[in-house]
C-alpha atoms as a PDB file:
ATOM      1  CA  MET A   1      75.610 109.009 102.042  1.00  0.00           C
ATOM      2  CA  SER A   2      72.931 106.417 101.393  1.00  0.00           C
ATOM      3  CA  SER A   3      73.234 103.520  98.995  1.00  0.00           C
ATOM      4  CA  ARG A   4      70.823 105.239  96.649  1.00  0.00           C
ATOM      5  CA  GLY A   5      72.847 108.472  96.767  1.00  0.00           C
ATOM      6  CA  ARG A   6      76.088 106.622  95.965  1.00  0.00           C
ATOM      7  CA  LYS A   7      74.408 104.869  93.053  1.00  0.00           C
ATOM      8  CA  LYS A   8      73.046 108.173  91.714  1.00  0.00           C
ATOM      9  CA  ALA A   9      76.496 109.795  92.038  1.00  0.00           C
ATOM     10  CA  SER A  10      78.104 106.835  90.294  1.00  0.00           C
ATOM     11  CA  VAL A  11      75.649 107.050  87.376  1.00  0.00           C
ATOM     12  CA  TYR A  12      76.270 110.804  87.133  1.00  0.00           C
ATOM     13  CA  ARG A  13      80.081 110.281  87.037  1.00  0.00           C
ATOM     14  CA  LYS A  14      79.718 107.597  84.378  1.00  0.00           C
ATOM     15  CA  LEU A  15      77.457 109.792  82.262  1.00  0.00           C
ATOM     16  CA  GLN A  16      79.976 112.654  82.520  1.00  0.00           C
ATOM     17  CA  GLU A  17      82.771 110.266  81.538  1.00  0.00           C
ATOM     18  CA  LEU A  18      80.685 109.049  78.570  1.00  0.00           C
ATOM     19  CA  ARG A  19      80.009 112.665  77.646  1.00  0.00           C
ATOM     20  CA  SER A  20      83.713 113.536  77.616  1.00  0.00           C
ATOM     21  CA  VAL A  21      84.759 110.385  75.707  1.00  0.00           C
ATOM     22  CA  THR A  22      82.200 111.058  72.962  1.00  0.00           C
ATOM     23  CA  ASP A  23      82.897 114.828  72.831  1.00  0.00           C
ATOM     24  CA  SER A  24      79.240 115.460  73.578  1.00  0.00           C
ATOM     25  CA  THR A  25      78.056 118.898  74.586  1.00  0.00           C
ATOM     26  CA  ALA A  26      74.730 117.532  75.815  1.00  0.00           C
ATOM     27  CA  VAL A  27      73.599 118.265  79.346  1.00  0.00           C
ATOM     28  CA  ASN A  28      70.763 115.858  80.090  1.00  0.00           C
ATOM     29  CA  LYS A  29      71.036 112.055  80.344  1.00  0.00           C
ATOM     30  CA  THR A  30      68.981 111.261  77.257  1.00  0.00           C
ATOM     31  CA  SER A  31      70.981 113.570  74.991  1.00  0.00           C
ATOM     32  CA  ILE A  32      74.291 112.215  76.306  1.00  0.00           C
ATOM     33  CA  ILE A  33      73.146 108.658  75.561  1.00  0.00           C
ATOM     34  CA  VAL A  34      71.885 109.630  72.075  1.00  0.00           C
ATOM     35  CA  ASP A  35      75.247 111.306  71.316  1.00  0.00           C
ATOM     36  CA  ALA A  36      77.072 108.221  72.585  1.00  0.00           C
ATOM     37  CA  SER A  37      74.942 105.990  70.336  1.00  0.00           C
ATOM     38  CA  ARG A  38      75.782 108.134  67.304  1.00  0.00           C
ATOM     39  CA  TYR A  39      79.446 108.056  68.246  1.00  0.00           C
ATOM     40  CA  ILE A  40      79.367 104.254  68.479  1.00  0.00           C
ATOM     41  CA  GLU A  41      77.659 104.012  65.056  1.00  0.00           C
ATOM     42  CA  GLU A  42      80.354 106.252  63.538  1.00  0.00           C
ATOM     43  CA  LEU A  43      83.038 104.055  65.064  1.00  0.00           C
ATOM     44  CA  LYS A  44      81.341 100.934  63.673  1.00  0.00           C
ATOM     45  CA  GLU A  45      81.279 102.491  60.194  1.00  0.00           C
ATOM     46  CA  LYS A  46      84.968 103.389  60.458  1.00  0.00           C
ATOM     47  CA  VAL A  47      85.825  99.831  61.558  1.00  0.00           C
ATOM     48  CA  ASP A  48      83.787  98.349  58.683  1.00  0.00           C
ATOM     49  CA  LYS A  49      85.510 100.649  56.183  1.00  0.00           C
ATOM     50  CA  LEU A  50      88.961  99.753  57.524  1.00  0.00           C
ATOM     51  CA  ASN A  51      88.118  96.046  57.443  1.00  0.00           C
ATOM     52  CA  GLN A  52      87.017  96.398  53.807  1.00  0.00           C
ATOM     53  CA  GLU A  53      90.261  98.186  52.917  1.00  0.00           C
ATOM     54  CA  ILE A  54      92.301  95.496  54.678  1.00  0.00           C
ATOM     55  CA  SER A  55      90.329  92.770  52.914  1.00  0.00           C
ATOM     56  CA  THR A  56      90.801  94.431  49.516  1.00  0.00           C
ATOM     57  CA  SER A  57      94.495  94.929  50.210  1.00  0.00           C
ATOM     58  CA  GLN A  58      94.974  91.306  51.289  1.00  0.00           C
ATOM     59  CA  THR A  59      92.991  90.045  48.278  1.00  0.00           C
ATOM     60  CA  SER A  60      95.076  92.029  45.817  1.00  0.00           C
ATOM     61  CA  THR A  61      98.366  90.937  47.397  1.00  0.00           C
ATOM     62  CA  SER A  62      97.322  87.291  47.628  1.00  0.00           C
ATOM     63  CA  GLN A  63      96.110  87.296  44.024  1.00  0.00           C
ATOM     64  CA  ASN A  64      99.172  89.145  42.814  1.00  0.00           C
ATOM     65  CA  PRO A  65     102.488  89.214  44.684  1.00  0.00           C
ATOM     66  CA  LEU A  66     103.686  92.250  42.687  1.00  0.00           C
ATOM     67  CA  PRO A  67     103.957  95.486  44.691  1.00  0.00           C
ATOM     68  CA  MET A  68     101.337  97.645  43.011  1.00  0.00           C
ATOM     69  CA  GLN A  69      98.841 100.426  43.315  1.00  0.00           C
ATOM     70  CA  VAL A  70      95.582 100.633  41.373  1.00  0.00           C
ATOM     71  CA  THR A  71      93.207 103.555  41.781  1.00  0.00           C
ATOM     72  CA  VAL A  72      90.042 104.355  39.865  1.00  0.00           C
ATOM     73  CA  GLU A  73      88.196 107.652  40.232  1.00  0.00           C
ATOM     74  CA  THR A  74      84.799 108.418  38.767  1.00  0.00           C
ATOM     75  CA  LEU A  75      84.763 111.399  36.433  1.00  0.00           C
ATOM     76  CA  GLN A  76      81.724 113.197  35.046  1.00  0.00           C
ATOM     77  CA  LYS A  77      81.696 110.909  31.988  1.00  0.00           C
ATOM     78  CA  GLY A  78      83.985 107.973  32.671  1.00  0.00           C
ATOM     79  CA  PHE A  79      86.899 107.039  34.887  1.00  0.00           C
ATOM     80  CA  LEU A  80      90.469 108.062  35.686  1.00  0.00           C
ATOM     81  CA  ILE A  81      92.483 104.872  36.049  1.00  0.00           C
ATOM     82  CA  ASN A  82      96.001 104.827  37.557  1.00  0.00           C
ATOM     83  CA  VAL A  83      98.148 101.696  37.694  1.00  0.00           C
ATOM     84  CA  LEU A  84     101.642 101.591  39.184  1.00  0.00           C
ATOM     85  CA  LEU A  85     103.763  98.457  39.472  1.00  0.00           C
ATOM     86  CA  GLU A  86     107.283  98.559  40.828  1.00  0.00           C
ATOM     87  CA  LYS A  87     108.782  96.643  37.916  1.00  0.00           C
ATOM     88  CA  ASN A  88     108.697  96.685  34.137  1.00  0.00           C
ATOM     89  CA  CYS A  89     105.882  94.435  32.903  1.00  0.00           C
ATOM     90  CA  PRO A  90     106.081  93.651  29.171  1.00  0.00           C
ATOM     91  CA  GLY A  91     102.656  92.793  27.760  1.00  0.00           C
ATOM     92  CA  LEU A  92     100.671  94.120  30.719  1.00  0.00           C
ATOM     93  CA  LEU A  93      99.448  97.170  28.802  1.00  0.00           C
ATOM     94  CA  VAL A  94      97.779  94.906  26.237  1.00  0.00           C
ATOM     95  CA  SER A  95      96.032  92.935  29.009  1.00  0.00           C
ATOM     96  CA  ILE A  96      94.710  96.091  30.651  1.00  0.00           C
ATOM     97  CA  LEU A  97      93.520  97.567  27.332  1.00  0.00           C
ATOM     98  CA  GLU A  98      91.719  94.286  26.547  1.00  0.00           C
ATOM     99  CA  THR A  99      90.014  94.592  29.932  1.00  0.00           C
ATOM    100  CA  PHE A 100      88.869  98.118  29.083  1.00  0.00           C
ATOM    101  CA  GLU A 101      87.449  96.789  25.820  1.00  0.00           C
ATOM    102  CA  GLU A 102      85.622  93.974  27.635  1.00  0.00           C
ATOM    103  CA  LEU A 103      84.110  96.564  29.991  1.00  0.00           C
ATOM    104  CA  GLY A 104      83.092  98.727  27.056  1.00  0.00           C
ATOM    105  CA  LEU A 105      85.345 101.627  28.051  1.00  0.00           C
ATOM    106  CA  ASP A 106      86.760 103.850  25.325  1.00  0.00           C
ATOM    107  CA  VAL A 107      90.270 105.058  26.149  1.00  0.00           C
ATOM    108  CA  LEU A 108      90.118 108.808  25.559  1.00  0.00           C
ATOM    109  CA  ASP A 109      93.604 109.649  26.813  1.00  0.00           C
ATOM    110  CA  ALA A 110      96.475 107.598  28.208  1.00  0.00           C
ATOM    111  CA  ARG A 111     100.037 107.998  29.411  1.00  0.00           C
ATOM    112  CA  VAL A 112     102.216 104.937  29.833  1.00  0.00           C
ATOM    113  CA  SER A 113     105.741 104.418  31.110  1.00  0.00           C
ATOM    114  CA  CYS A 114     107.414 101.018  31.026  1.00  0.00           C
ATOM    115  CA  GLU A 115     111.033 101.940  31.698  1.00  0.00           C
ATOM    116  CA  ASP A 116     111.962 100.912  35.266  1.00  0.00           C
ATOM    117  CA  ASN A 117     108.413 100.326  36.430  1.00  0.00           C
ATOM    118  CA  PHE A 118     104.971 100.088  34.844  1.00  0.00           C
ATOM    119  CA  GLN A 119     102.901 103.232  35.092  1.00  0.00           C
ATOM    120  CA  LEU A 120      99.574 103.848  33.369  1.00  0.00           C
ATOM    121  CA  GLU A 121      97.262 106.806  33.649  1.00  0.00           C
ATOM    122  CA  ALA A 122      94.200 106.466  31.444  1.00  0.00           C
ATOM    123  CA  ILE A 123      90.876 108.196  31.048  1.00  0.00           C
ATOM    124  CA  GLY A 124      88.186 105.710  30.125  1.00  0.00           C
ATOM    125  CA  GLY A 125      85.308 107.403  28.367  1.00  0.00           C
ATOM    126  CA  GLU A 126      81.612 106.905  28.769  1.00  0.00           C
ATOM    127  CA  VAL A 127      80.599 103.272  28.784  1.00  0.00           C
ATOM    128  CA  ARG A 128      79.107 102.299  25.438  1.00  0.00           C
ATOM    129  CA  ASN A 129      76.481  99.627  24.796  1.00  0.00           C
ATOM    130  CA  LEU A 130      78.011  96.305  23.815  1.00  0.00           C
ATOM    131  CA  ASN A 131      76.510  93.695  21.503  1.00  0.00           C
ATOM    132  CA  GLN A 132      76.347  91.312  24.470  1.00  0.00           C
ATOM    133  CA  GLY A 133      73.990  93.641  26.301  1.00  0.00           C
ATOM    134  CA  ASN A 134      73.919  96.889  28.159  1.00  0.00           C
ATOM    135  CA  ALA A 135      77.204  97.615  29.933  1.00  0.00           C
ATOM    136  CA  GLU A 136      75.945 100.717  31.727  1.00  0.00           C
ATOM    137  CA  GLY A 137      76.007 100.716  35.481  1.00  0.00           C
ATOM    138  CA  ILE A 138      79.720 100.000  35.729  1.00  0.00           C
ATOM    139  CA  ASP A 139      81.224 101.808  38.684  1.00  0.00           C
ATOM    140  CA  ALA A 140      84.773 102.624  39.766  1.00  0.00           C
ATOM    141  CA  GLN A 141      84.990  99.553  42.026  1.00  0.00           C
ATOM    142  CA  MET A 142      84.067  97.255  39.115  1.00  0.00           C
ATOM    143  CA  VAL A 143      86.710  98.876  36.899  1.00  0.00           C
ATOM    144  CA  LYS A 144      89.319  98.512  39.656  1.00  0.00           C
ATOM    145  CA  GLN A 145      88.476  94.838  40.210  1.00  0.00           C
ATOM    146  CA  ALA A 146      88.668  94.173  36.458  1.00  0.00           C
ATOM    147  CA  VAL A 147      92.104  95.839  36.260  1.00  0.00           C
ATOM    148  CA  LEU A 148      93.319  93.863  39.298  1.00  0.00           C
ATOM    149  CA  GLN A 149      92.095  90.646  37.634  1.00  0.00           C
ATOM    150  CA  ALA A 150      93.898  91.570  34.404  1.00  0.00           C
ATOM    151  CA  ILE A 151      97.135  92.122  36.338  1.00  0.00           C
ATOM    152  CA  SER A 152      96.636  88.845  38.202  1.00  0.00           C
ATOM    153  CA  LYS A 153      96.020  86.893  34.966  1.00  0.00           C
ATOM    154  CA  TRP A 154      99.006  88.561  33.322  1.00  0.00           C
ATOM    155  CA  SER A 155     101.160  87.679  36.329  1.00  0.00           C
ATOM    156  CA  GLU A 156     100.023  84.024  36.266  1.00  0.00           C
ATOM    157  CA  ASN A 157     100.688  83.774  32.530  1.00  0.00           C
ATOM    158  CA  THR A 158     104.188  85.264  32.791  1.00  0.00           C
ATOM    159  CA  GLN A 159     105.081  82.929  35.662  1.00  0.00           C
ATOM    160  CA  GLN A 160     104.092  79.908  33.562  1.00  0.00           C
ATOM    161  CA  ASP A 161     106.310  80.986  30.637  1.00  0.00           C
END
């Protein structure tokens, strides 16, 4: 086999390997490479998303050493906010409700438990216009960050007492 033939066979094997790694069903070289490029872009997006989640997780634990979980989901007209801390936190509810008020969220429904741990499930209604300006445009991430900041401030204040 000539040098050129070996090179061509090597390229073919590598393309077939690339095809199998990327789960491509393409047959020609160009399509295999296009599928591989898309696969790489998807992997990059997954890595970026994971890095963001790690960064958010590290930020919340460095700002607040309490084991906690805060989730905010966007509803048709407002947000569903869930807060869970693994210990009883007297005064935290007031801090979180003040944060809702600062954001311009009306609490439409809420369930709170402060027995062994702190648990809050609240539905924040449509954002209303505040005297300071228009508060519309608030998204779930902004609400979550505000709640995390309220918990962090509450934690700092209780540690100083």
